[in-house]
């Protein structure tokens, strides 16, 4: 389940590349890393719960907030919310 959900998220990000702004491209790449790392951690621990994966992605993004400017944080947050609502 985790692998399929990860693939859906990454495909959704990829489907936006052609029409994405520079900010959206950045957010997609940044978010891809958090999604993949969180999914890999869940798989390594034998976790197959989508809600746990989402929680870990949220935690990962929260832990790295200081890496981004407030504007970039907002773009990443908006993309993450949109992805969750449209899957």
PDB file of N, CA and C in Angstrom:
ATOM      1  N   UNK A   1       0.811  -1.199   0.000  1.00  0.00           N
ATOM      2  CA  UNK A   1       0.000   0.000   0.000  1.00  0.00           C
ATOM      3  C   UNK A   1       0.854   1.262   0.000  1.00  0.00           C
ATOM      4  N   UNK A   2       1.902   1.278   0.811  1.00  0.00           N
ATOM      5  CA  UNK A   2       2.778   2.441   0.902  1.00  0.00           C
ATOM      6  C   UNK A   2       3.425   2.722  -0.453  1.00  0.00           C
ATOM      7  N   UNK A   3       3.940   1.683  -1.094  1.00  0.00           N
ATOM      8  CA  UNK A   3       4.631   1.853  -2.379  1.00  0.00           C
ATOM      9  C   UNK A   3       3.675   2.416  -3.428  1.00  0.00           C
ATOM     10  N   UNK A   4       2.462   1.898  -3.470  1.00  0.00           N
ATOM     11  CA  UNK A   4       1.481   2.372  -4.441  1.00  0.00           C
ATOM     12  C   UNK A   4       1.117   3.837  -4.186  1.00  0.00           C
ATOM     13  N   UNK A   5       0.944   4.186  -2.927  1.00  0.00           N
ATOM     14  CA  UNK A   5       0.598   5.566  -2.592  1.00  0.00           C
ATOM     15  C   UNK A   5       1.755   6.501  -2.936  1.00  0.00           C
ATOM     16  N   UNK A   6       2.974   6.073  -2.629  1.00  0.00           N
ATOM     17  CA  UNK A   6       4.163   6.870  -2.983  1.00  0.00           C
ATOM     18  C   UNK A   6       4.197   7.092  -4.493  1.00  0.00           C
ATOM     19  N   UNK A   7       3.983   6.040  -5.260  1.00  0.00           N
ATOM     20  CA  UNK A   7       4.000   6.144  -6.719  1.00  0.00           C
ATOM     21  C   UNK A   7       2.929   7.101  -7.216  1.00  0.00           C
ATOM     22  N   UNK A   8       1.752   7.061  -6.616  1.00  0.00           N
ATOM     23  CA  UNK A   8       0.674   7.972  -7.010  1.00  0.00           C
ATOM     24  C   UNK A   8       1.066   9.424  -6.739  1.00  0.00           C
ATOM     25  N   UNK A   9       1.655   9.667  -5.575  1.00  0.00           N
ATOM     26  CA  UNK A   9       2.081  11.025  -5.239  1.00  0.00           C
ATOM     27  C   UNK A   9       3.140  11.519  -6.219  1.00  0.00           C
ATOM     28  N   UNK A  10       4.133  10.683  -6.493  1.00  0.00           N
ATOM     29  CA  UNK A  10       5.220  11.084  -7.377  1.00  0.00           C
ATOM     30  C   UNK A  10       4.728  11.279  -8.811  1.00  0.00           C
ATOM     31  N   UNK A  11       3.811  10.437  -9.262  1.00  0.00           N
ATOM     32  CA  UNK A  11       3.224  10.596 -10.594  1.00  0.00           C
ATOM     33  C   UNK A  11       2.447  11.900 -10.690  1.00  0.00           C
ATOM     34  N   UNK A  12       1.733  12.231  -9.632  1.00  0.00           N
ATOM     35  CA  UNK A  12       0.962  13.479  -9.608  1.00  0.00           C
ATOM     36  C   UNK A  12       1.908  14.679  -9.699  1.00  0.00           C
ATOM     37  N   UNK A  13       3.018  14.629  -8.981  1.00  0.00           N
ATOM     38  CA  UNK A  13       4.016  15.700  -9.056  1.00  0.00           C
ATOM     39  C   UNK A  13       4.570  15.776 -10.481  1.00  0.00           C
ATOM     40  N   UNK A  14       4.935  14.634 -11.048  1.00  0.00           N
ATOM     41  CA  UNK A  14       5.510  14.594 -12.395  1.00  0.00           C
ATOM     42  C   UNK A  14       4.543  15.109 -13.447  1.00  0.00           C
ATOM     43  N   UNK A  15       3.262  14.863 -13.253  1.00  0.00           N
ATOM     44  CA  UNK A  15       2.263  15.285 -14.244  1.00  0.00           C
ATOM     45  C   UNK A  15       2.135  16.808 -14.320  1.00  0.00           C
ATOM     46  N   UNK A  16       2.650  17.498 -13.336  1.00  0.00           N
ATOM     47  CA  UNK A  16       2.545  18.960 -13.287  1.00  0.00           C
ATOM     48  C   UNK A  16       3.778  19.665 -13.863  1.00  0.00           C
ATOM     49  N   UNK A  17       4.804  18.915 -14.174  1.00  0.00           N
ATOM     50  CA  UNK A  17       6.091  19.509 -14.548  1.00  0.00           C
ATOM     51  C   UNK A  17       5.978  20.437 -15.757  1.00  0.00           C
ATOM     52  N   UNK A  18       5.282  20.024 -16.783  1.00  0.00           N
ATOM     53  CA  UNK A  18       5.222  20.804 -18.015  1.00  0.00           C
ATOM     54  C   UNK A  18       4.645  22.197 -17.823  1.00  0.00           C
ATOM     55  N   UNK A  19       3.698  22.340 -16.922  1.00  0.00           N
ATOM     56  CA  UNK A  19       3.020  23.624 -16.732  1.00  0.00           C
ATOM     57  C   UNK A  19       3.415  24.319 -15.437  1.00  0.00           C
ATOM     58  N   UNK A  20       4.343  23.753 -14.702  1.00  0.00           N
ATOM     59  CA  UNK A  20       4.694  24.274 -13.379  1.00  0.00           C
ATOM     60  C   UNK A  20       5.577  25.520 -13.470  1.00  0.00           C
ATOM     61  N   UNK A  21       5.373  26.403 -12.515  1.00  0.00           N
ATOM     62  CA  UNK A  21       6.248  27.563 -12.371  1.00  0.00           C
ATOM     63  C   UNK A  21       7.562  27.102 -11.739  1.00  0.00           C
ATOM     64  N   UNK A  22       8.537  27.986 -11.701  1.00  0.00           N
ATOM     65  CA  UNK A  22       9.805  27.644 -11.052  1.00  0.00           C
ATOM     66  C   UNK A  22       9.586  27.268  -9.591  1.00  0.00           C
ATOM     67  N   UNK A  23       8.719  28.003  -8.906  1.00  0.00           N
ATOM     68  CA  UNK A  23       8.426  27.700  -7.503  1.00  0.00           C
ATOM     69  C   UNK A  23       7.794  26.326  -7.356  1.00  0.00           C
ATOM     70  N   UNK A  24       6.880  26.009  -8.248  1.00  0.00           N
ATOM     71  CA  UNK A  24       6.212  24.715  -8.195  1.00  0.00           C
ATOM     72  C   UNK A  24       7.176  23.573  -8.511  1.00  0.00           C
ATOM     73  N   UNK A  25       8.102  23.811  -9.441  1.00  0.00           N
ATOM     74  CA  UNK A  25       9.121  22.799  -9.743  1.00  0.00           C
ATOM     75  C   UNK A  25       9.998  22.555  -8.525  1.00  0.00           C
ATOM     76  N   UNK A  26      10.397  23.635  -7.865  1.00  0.00           N
ATOM     77  CA  UNK A  26      11.194  23.504  -6.646  1.00  0.00           C
ATOM     78  C   UNK A  26      10.425  22.715  -5.596  1.00  0.00           C
ATOM     79  N   UNK A  27       9.182  23.103  -5.356  1.00  0.00           N
ATOM     80  CA  UNK A  27       8.370  22.448  -4.334  1.00  0.00           C
ATOM     81  C   UNK A  27       8.186  20.971  -4.646  1.00  0.00           C
ATOM     82  N   UNK A  28       7.968  20.645  -5.909  1.00  0.00           N
ATOM     83  CA  UNK A  28       7.795  19.253  -6.301  1.00  0.00           C
ATOM     84  C   UNK A  28       9.046  18.433  -6.026  1.00  0.00           C
ATOM     85  N   UNK A  29      10.203  18.977  -6.388  1.00  0.00           N
ATOM     86  CA  UNK A  29      11.458  18.271  -6.132  1.00  0.00           C
ATOM     87  C   UNK A  29      11.734  18.114  -4.656  1.00  0.00           C
ATOM     88  N   UNK A  30      11.490  19.169  -3.912  1.00  0.00           N
ATOM     89  CA  UNK A  30      11.714  19.145  -2.465  1.00  0.00           C
ATOM     90  C   UNK A  30      10.789  18.123  -1.803  1.00  0.00           C
ATOM     91  N   UNK A  31       9.538  18.153  -2.197  1.00  0.00           N
ATOM     92  CA  UNK A  31       8.552  17.255  -1.606  1.00  0.00           C
ATOM     93  C   UNK A  31       8.815  15.805  -1.995  1.00  0.00           C
ATOM     94  N   UNK A  32       9.284  15.568  -3.213  1.00  0.00           N
ATOM     95  CA  UNK A  32       9.618  14.204  -3.655  1.00  0.00           C
ATOM     96  C   UNK A  32      10.593  13.549  -2.681  1.00  0.00           C
ATOM     97  N   UNK A  33      11.598  14.307  -2.268  1.00  0.00           N
ATOM     98  CA  UNK A  33      12.586  13.766  -1.338  1.00  0.00           C
ATOM     99  C   UNK A  33      11.966  13.351  -0.021  1.00  0.00           C
ATOM    100  N   UNK A  34      11.109  14.190   0.524  1.00  0.00           N
ATOM    101  CA  UNK A  34      10.454  13.886   1.795  1.00  0.00           C
ATOM    102  C   UNK A  34       9.512  12.688   1.666  1.00  0.00           C
ATOM    103  N   UNK A  35       8.808  12.619   0.550  1.00  0.00           N
ATOM    104  CA  UNK A  35       7.897  11.492   0.315  1.00  0.00           C
ATOM    105  C   UNK A  35       8.684  10.185   0.231  1.00  0.00           C
ATOM    106  N   UNK A  36       9.739  10.193  -0.579  1.00  0.00           N
ATOM    107  CA  UNK A  36      10.518   8.965  -0.789  1.00  0.00           C
ATOM    108  C   UNK A  36      11.223   8.499   0.479  1.00  0.00           C
ATOM    109  N   UNK A  37      11.806   9.430   1.216  1.00  0.00           N
ATOM    110  CA  UNK A  37      12.482   9.059   2.462  1.00  0.00           C
ATOM    111  C   UNK A  37      11.498   8.516   3.492  1.00  0.00           C
ATOM    112  N   UNK A  38      10.350   9.155   3.596  1.00  0.00           N
ATOM    113  CA  UNK A  38       9.337   8.703   4.556  1.00  0.00           C
ATOM    114  C   UNK A  38       8.789   7.337   4.165  1.00  0.00           C
ATOM    115  N   UNK A  39       8.568   7.129   2.875  1.00  0.00           N
ATOM    116  CA  UNK A  39       8.073   5.833   2.403  1.00  0.00           C
ATOM    117  C   UNK A  39       9.110   4.746   2.655  1.00  0.00           C
ATOM    118  N   UNK A  40      10.370   5.050   2.395  1.00  0.00           N
ATOM    119  CA  UNK A  40      11.431   4.062   2.622  1.00  0.00           C
ATOM    120  C   UNK A  40      11.529   3.696   4.098  1.00  0.00           C
ATOM    121  N   UNK A  41      11.383   4.685   4.977  1.00  0.00           N
ATOM    122  CA  UNK A  41      11.432   4.414   6.415  1.00  0.00           C
ATOM    123  C   UNK A  41      10.259   3.521   6.834  1.00  0.00           C
ATOM    124  N   UNK A  42       9.075   3.803   6.297  1.00  0.00           N
ATOM    125  CA  UNK A  42       7.908   2.966   6.612  1.00  0.00           C
ATOM    126  C   UNK A  42       8.132   1.536   6.132  1.00  0.00           C
ATOM    127  N   UNK A  43       8.623   1.390   4.923  1.00  0.00           N
ATOM    128  CA  UNK A  43       8.875   0.055   4.388  1.00  0.00           C
ATOM    129  C   UNK A  43       9.897  -0.700   5.236  1.00  0.00           C
ATOM    130  N   UNK A  44      10.960  -0.011   5.631  1.00  0.00           N
ATOM    131  CA  UNK A  44      12.013  -0.647   6.429  1.00  0.00           C
ATOM    132  C   UNK A  44      11.484  -1.122   7.776  1.00  0.00           C
ATOM    133  N   UNK A  45      10.480  -0.413   8.290  1.00  0.00           N
ATOM    134  CA  UNK A  45       9.902  -0.754   9.592  1.00  0.00           C
ATOM    135  C   UNK A  45       8.674  -1.650   9.464  1.00  0.00           C
ATOM    136  N   UNK A  46       8.325  -2.029   8.250  1.00  0.00           N
ATOM    137  CA  UNK A  46       7.177  -2.909   8.044  1.00  0.00           C
ATOM    138  C   UNK A  46       5.838  -2.214   8.231  1.00  0.00           C
ATOM    139  N   UNK A  47       5.821  -0.915   8.098  1.00  0.00           N
ATOM    140  CA  UNK A  47       4.580  -0.141   8.255  1.00  0.00           C
ATOM    141  C   UNK A  47       3.902  -0.029   6.890  1.00  0.00           C
ATOM    142  N   UNK A  48       2.603  -0.333   6.848  1.00  0.00           N
ATOM    143  CA  UNK A  48       1.854  -0.299   5.598  1.00  0.00           C
ATOM    144  C   UNK A  48       0.590   0.555   5.736  1.00  0.00           C
ATOM    145  N   UNK A  49       0.665   1.568   6.571  1.00  0.00           N
ATOM    146  CA  UNK A  49      -0.480   2.430   6.864  1.00  0.00           C
ATOM    147  C   UNK A  49      -0.266   3.796   6.205  1.00  0.00           C
ATOM    148  N   UNK A  50      -1.138   4.141   5.270  1.00  0.00           N
ATOM    149  CA  UNK A  50      -1.038   5.406   4.541  1.00  0.00           C
ATOM    150  C   UNK A  50      -1.062   6.600   5.492  1.00  0.00           C
ATOM    151  N   UNK A  51      -1.894   6.552   6.510  1.00  0.00           N
ATOM    152  CA  UNK A  51      -1.966   7.661   7.461  1.00  0.00           C
ATOM    153  C   UNK A  51      -0.651   7.848   8.201  1.00  0.00           C
ATOM    154  N   UNK A  52       0.019   6.751   8.503  1.00  0.00           N
ATOM    155  CA  UNK A  52       1.332   6.847   9.151  1.00  0.00           C
ATOM    156  C   UNK A  52       2.342   7.471   8.188  1.00  0.00           C
ATOM    157  N   UNK A  53       2.278   7.103   6.924  1.00  0.00           N
ATOM    158  CA  UNK A  53       3.167   7.706   5.931  1.00  0.00           C
ATOM    159  C   UNK A  53       2.930   9.216   5.856  1.00  0.00           C
ATOM    160  N   UNK A  54       1.669   9.621   5.776  1.00  0.00           N
ATOM    161  CA  UNK A  54       1.349  11.057   5.720  1.00  0.00           C
ATOM    162  C   UNK A  54       1.872  11.772   6.964  1.00  0.00           C
ATOM    163  N   UNK A  55       1.707  11.142   8.105  1.00  0.00           N
ATOM    164  CA  UNK A  55       2.184  11.723   9.366  1.00  0.00           C
ATOM    165  C   UNK A  55       3.700  11.914   9.322  1.00  0.00           C
ATOM    166  N   UNK A  56       4.395  10.925   8.803  1.00  0.00           N
ATOM    167  CA  UNK A  56       5.862  11.009   8.726  1.00  0.00           C
ATOM    168  C   UNK A  56       6.314  12.077   7.734  1.00  0.00           C
ATOM    169  N   UNK A  57       5.591  12.214   6.639  1.00  0.00           N
ATOM    170  CA  UNK A  57       5.921  13.277   5.686  1.00  0.00           C
ATOM    171  C   UNK A  57       5.715  14.633   6.353  1.00  0.00           C
ATOM    172  N   UNK A  58       4.594  14.798   7.043  1.00  0.00           N
ATOM    173  CA  UNK A  58       4.331  16.043   7.785  1.00  0.00           C
ATOM    174  C   UNK A  58       5.449  16.337   8.780  1.00  0.00           C
ATOM    175  N   UNK A  59       5.867  15.316   9.526  1.00  0.00           N
ATOM    176  CA  UNK A  59       6.930  15.489  10.518  1.00  0.00           C
ATOM    177  C   UNK A  59       8.243  15.873   9.844  1.00  0.00           C
ATOM    178  N   UNK A  60       8.551  15.227   8.743  1.00  0.00           N
ATOM    179  CA  UNK A  60       9.777  15.508   8.015  1.00  0.00           C
ATOM    180  C   UNK A  60       9.791  16.945   7.514  1.00  0.00           C
ATOM    181  N   UNK A  61       8.675  17.386   6.958  1.00  0.00           N
ATOM    182  CA  UNK A  61       8.576  18.766   6.483  1.00  0.00           C
ATOM    183  C   UNK A  61       8.696  19.750   7.637  1.00  0.00           C
ATOM    184  N   UNK A  62       8.072  19.421   8.757  1.00  0.00           N
ATOM    185  CA  UNK A  62       8.122  20.299   9.923  1.00  0.00           C
ATOM    186  C   UNK A  62       9.545  20.407  10.487  1.00  0.00           C
ATOM    187  N   UNK A  63      10.253  19.281  10.502  1.00  0.00           N
ATOM    188  CA  UNK A  63      11.612  19.263  11.049  1.00  0.00           C
ATOM    189  C   UNK A  63      12.595  20.057  10.202  1.00  0.00           C
ATOM    190  N   UNK A  64      12.266  20.274   8.942  1.00  0.00           N
ATOM    191  CA  UNK A  64      13.188  20.977   8.043  1.00  0.00           C
ATOM    192  C   UNK A  64      12.688  22.361   7.638  1.00  0.00           C
ATOM    193  N   UNK A  65      11.723  22.871   8.353  1.00  0.00           N
ATOM    194  CA  UNK A  65      11.148  24.185   8.033  1.00  0.00           C
ATOM    195  C   UNK A  65      12.216  25.273   7.961  1.00  0.00           C
ATOM    196  N   UNK A  66      13.228  25.174   8.814  1.00  0.00           N
ATOM    197  CA  UNK A  66      14.254  26.217   8.852  1.00  0.00           C
ATOM    198  C   UNK A  66      15.131  26.228   7.601  1.00  0.00           C
ATOM    199  N   UNK A  67      15.033  25.209   6.757  1.00  0.00           N
ATOM    200  CA  UNK A  67      15.792  25.161   5.514  1.00  0.00           C
ATOM    201  C   UNK A  67      15.210  26.085   4.447  1.00  0.00           C
ATOM    202  N   UNK A  68      13.946  26.423   4.598  1.00  0.00           N
ATOM    203  CA  UNK A  68      13.231  27.168   3.564  1.00  0.00           C
ATOM    204  C   UNK A  68      12.813  28.557   4.035  1.00  0.00           C
ATOM    205  N   UNK A  69      12.699  29.443   3.077  1.00  0.00           N
ATOM    206  CA  UNK A  69      12.141  30.763   3.375  1.00  0.00           C
ATOM    207  C   UNK A  69      10.645  30.584   3.635  1.00  0.00           C
ATOM    208  N   UNK A  70      10.023  31.551   4.294  1.00  0.00           N
ATOM    209  CA  UNK A  70       8.571  31.439   4.511  1.00  0.00           C
ATOM    210  C   UNK A  70       7.790  31.269   3.204  1.00  0.00           C
ATOM    211  N   UNK A  71       8.208  31.943   2.158  1.00  0.00           N
ATOM    212  CA  UNK A  71       7.508  31.825   0.872  1.00  0.00           C
ATOM    213  C   UNK A  71       7.649  30.411   0.312  1.00  0.00           C
ATOM    214  N   UNK A  72       8.865  29.844   0.384  1.00  0.00           N
ATOM    215  CA  UNK A  72       9.069  28.479  -0.095  1.00  0.00           C
ATOM    216  C   UNK A  72       8.310  27.470   0.760  1.00  0.00           C
ATOM    217  N   UNK A  73       8.276  27.703   2.066  1.00  0.00           N
ATOM    218  CA  UNK A  73       7.513  26.830   2.954  1.00  0.00           C
ATOM    219  C   UNK A  73       6.051  26.789   2.518  1.00  0.00           C
ATOM    220  N   UNK A  74       5.519  27.944   2.167  1.00  0.00           N
ATOM    221  CA  UNK A  74       4.115  28.028   1.768  1.00  0.00           C
ATOM    222  C   UNK A  74       3.857  27.279   0.467  1.00  0.00           C
ATOM    223  N   UNK A  75       4.765  27.419  -0.496  1.00  0.00           N
ATOM    224  CA  UNK A  75       4.604  26.729  -1.774  1.00  0.00           C
ATOM    225  C   UNK A  75       4.639  25.218  -1.566  1.00  0.00           C
ATOM    226  N   UNK A  76       5.571  24.731  -0.756  1.00  0.00           N
ATOM    227  CA  UNK A  76       5.675  23.298  -0.475  1.00  0.00           C
ATOM    228  C   UNK A  76       4.430  22.821   0.269  1.00  0.00           C
ATOM    229  N   UNK A  77       4.005  23.586   1.260  1.00  0.00           N
ATOM    230  CA  UNK A  77       2.819  23.220   2.035  1.00  0.00           C
ATOM    231  C   UNK A  77       1.576  23.167   1.152  1.00  0.00           C
ATOM    232  N   UNK A  78       1.429  24.154   0.283  1.00  0.00           N
ATOM    233  CA  UNK A  78       0.271  24.176  -0.618  1.00  0.00           C
ATOM    234  C   UNK A  78       0.266  22.972  -1.544  1.00  0.00           C
ATOM    235  N   UNK A  79       1.426  22.620  -2.082  1.00  0.00           N
ATOM    236  CA  UNK A  79       1.514  21.466  -2.972  1.00  0.00           C
ATOM    237  C   UNK A  79       1.173  20.187  -2.208  1.00  0.00           C
ATOM    238  N   UNK A  80       1.705  20.027  -1.016  1.00  0.00           N
ATOM    239  CA  UNK A  80       1.442  18.834  -0.205  1.00  0.00           C
ATOM    240  C   UNK A  80      -0.047  18.710   0.098  1.00  0.00           C
ATOM    241  N   UNK A  81      -0.682  19.807   0.465  1.00  0.00           N
ATOM    242  CA  UNK A  81      -2.128  19.782   0.731  1.00  0.00           C
ATOM    243  C   UNK A  81      -2.905  19.403  -0.526  1.00  0.00           C
ATOM    244  N   UNK A  82      -2.519  19.993  -1.646  1.00  0.00           N
ATOM    245  CA  UNK A  82      -3.202  19.716  -2.902  1.00  0.00           C
ATOM    246  C   UNK A  82      -3.066  18.253  -3.306  1.00  0.00           C
ATOM    247  N   UNK A  83      -1.870  17.705  -3.155  1.00  0.00           N
ATOM    248  CA  UNK A  83      -1.648  16.295  -3.484  1.00  0.00           C
ATOM    249  C   UNK A  83      -2.534  15.386  -2.642  1.00  0.00           C
ATOM    250  N   UNK A  84      -2.630  15.676  -1.374  1.00  0.00           N
ATOM    251  CA  UNK A  84      -3.431  14.833  -0.488  1.00  0.00           C
ATOM    252  C   UNK A  84      -4.910  14.905  -0.822  1.00  0.00           C
ATOM    253  N   UNK A  85      -5.367  16.081  -1.224  1.00  0.00           N
ATOM    254  CA  UNK A  85      -6.788  16.260  -1.532  1.00  0.00           C
ATOM    255  C   UNK A  85      -7.169  15.630  -2.866  1.00  0.00           C
ATOM    256  N   UNK A  86      -6.203  15.518  -3.761  1.00  0.00           N
ATOM    257  CA  UNK A  86      -6.522  15.052  -5.114  1.00  0.00           C
ATOM    258  C   UNK A  86      -6.112  13.606  -5.384  1.00  0.00           C
ATOM    259  N   UNK A  87      -5.886  12.846  -4.341  1.00  0.00           N
ATOM    260  CA  UNK A  87      -5.589  11.415  -4.534  1.00  0.00           C
ATOM    261  C   UNK A  87      -6.647  10.569  -3.886  1.00  0.00           C
TER     262      UNK A  87
END
